[in-house]
Amino acid sequence: MNKTFYHFILKYRAVKVRDEISKFANDVYDDHSFPKGSSDYHEISSYLELNGQYLSSMSVFDEAWEIYLSDEIK
């Protein structure tokens, strides 16, 4: 994969939150401890389970991860 998950998710940041993924992207941007250099699902999901209090549900991350994978395959 060429792009880290962090760099991928930033394209969903929005001034006005449109959906759960854009809210997640805004929160990730504000989380200075987020593993910005990672493209590893298990590392990021473990981090979010321990530190992602801003994430309403892990299913939001899973949905974003699926988009990330399909985006990176193109």
Protein backbone atom coordinates (compact mmCIF):
# COMPACT_ATOMS: atom_id res chain seq x y z
CA MET A 1 0.00 0.00 0.00
CA ASN A 2 1.30 3.38 -0.96
CA LYS A 3 -0.69 5.61 1.35
CA THR A 4 -1.01 5.22 5.12
CA PHE A 5 -4.50 4.94 6.56
CA TYR A 6 -4.04 8.32 8.24
CA HIS A 7 -3.32 10.07 4.94
CA PHE A 8 -6.23 8.26 3.31
CA ILE A 9 -8.77 9.19 6.01
CA LEU A 10 -7.80 12.88 5.94
CA LYS A 11 -9.50 13.29 2.58
CA TYR A 12 -12.81 12.71 4.41
CA ARG A 13 -12.29 15.63 6.82
CA ALA A 14 -15.00 18.22 6.56
CA VAL A 15 -15.72 21.61 8.03
CA LYS A 16 -19.32 20.51 8.46
CA VAL A 17 -19.63 16.86 9.45
CA ARG A 18 -21.64 15.02 6.84
CA ASP A 19 -21.53 11.46 8.15
CA GLU A 20 -19.81 9.12 10.60
CA ILE A 21 -16.71 8.73 8.44
CA SER A 22 -16.14 12.47 8.16
CA LYS A 23 -16.63 12.79 11.94
CA PHE A 24 -14.11 9.98 12.41
CA ALA A 25 -11.67 11.71 10.03
CA ASN A 26 -11.96 14.97 11.94
CA ASP A 27 -11.35 13.16 15.24
CA VAL A 28 -8.36 11.24 13.85
CA TYR A 29 -6.88 14.54 12.68
CA ASP A 30 -7.23 15.95 16.21
CA ASP A 31 -5.73 12.80 17.81
CA HIS A 32 -2.03 13.61 17.97
CA SER A 33 -1.15 10.09 19.14
CA PHE A 34 -2.87 8.31 16.23
CA PRO A 35 -0.44 5.91 14.46
CA LYS A 36 0.02 8.15 11.41
CA GLY A 37 2.65 5.97 9.74
CA SER A 38 0.68 2.73 9.89
CA SER A 39 -1.07 0.76 7.18
CA ASP A 40 -1.68 -2.22 9.47
CA TYR A 41 -5.30 -3.02 10.34
CA HIS A 42 -4.49 -4.74 13.63
CA GLU A 43 -2.21 -1.98 14.86
CA ILE A 44 -4.76 0.74 14.10
CA SER A 45 -7.78 -1.18 15.41
CA SER A 46 -5.94 -2.03 18.64
CA TYR A 47 -5.00 1.62 19.05
CA LEU A 48 -8.61 2.70 18.51
CA GLU A 49 -9.97 0.11 20.93
CA LEU A 50 -7.69 1.50 23.65
CA ASN A 51 -7.64 5.20 22.74
CA GLY A 52 -10.47 5.94 20.33
CA GLN A 53 -13.07 7.18 22.79
CA TYR A 54 -14.22 9.56 20.05
CA LEU A 55 -15.23 6.61 17.85
CA SER A 56 -18.92 5.79 18.32
CA SER A 57 -18.46 2.24 17.00
CA MET A 58 -15.63 0.16 15.59
CA SER A 59 -17.91 -0.51 12.62
CA VAL A 60 -17.17 3.06 11.46
CA PHE A 61 -13.46 2.20 11.36
CA ASP A 62 -14.19 -1.11 9.62
CA GLU A 63 -16.23 0.69 6.95
CA ALA A 64 -13.46 3.27 6.46
CA TRP A 65 -10.88 0.46 6.28
CA GLU A 66 -12.83 -1.30 3.51
CA ILE A 67 -12.94 1.94 1.52
CA TYR A 68 -9.20 2.37 2.15
CA LEU A 69 -8.45 -1.13 0.84
CA SER A 70 -10.56 -0.71 -2.29
CA ASP A 71 -9.05 2.74 -2.87
CA GLU A 72 -5.50 1.39 -2.58
CA ILE A 73 -6.15 -1.51 -4.98
CA LYS A 74 -7.12 0.88 -7.79
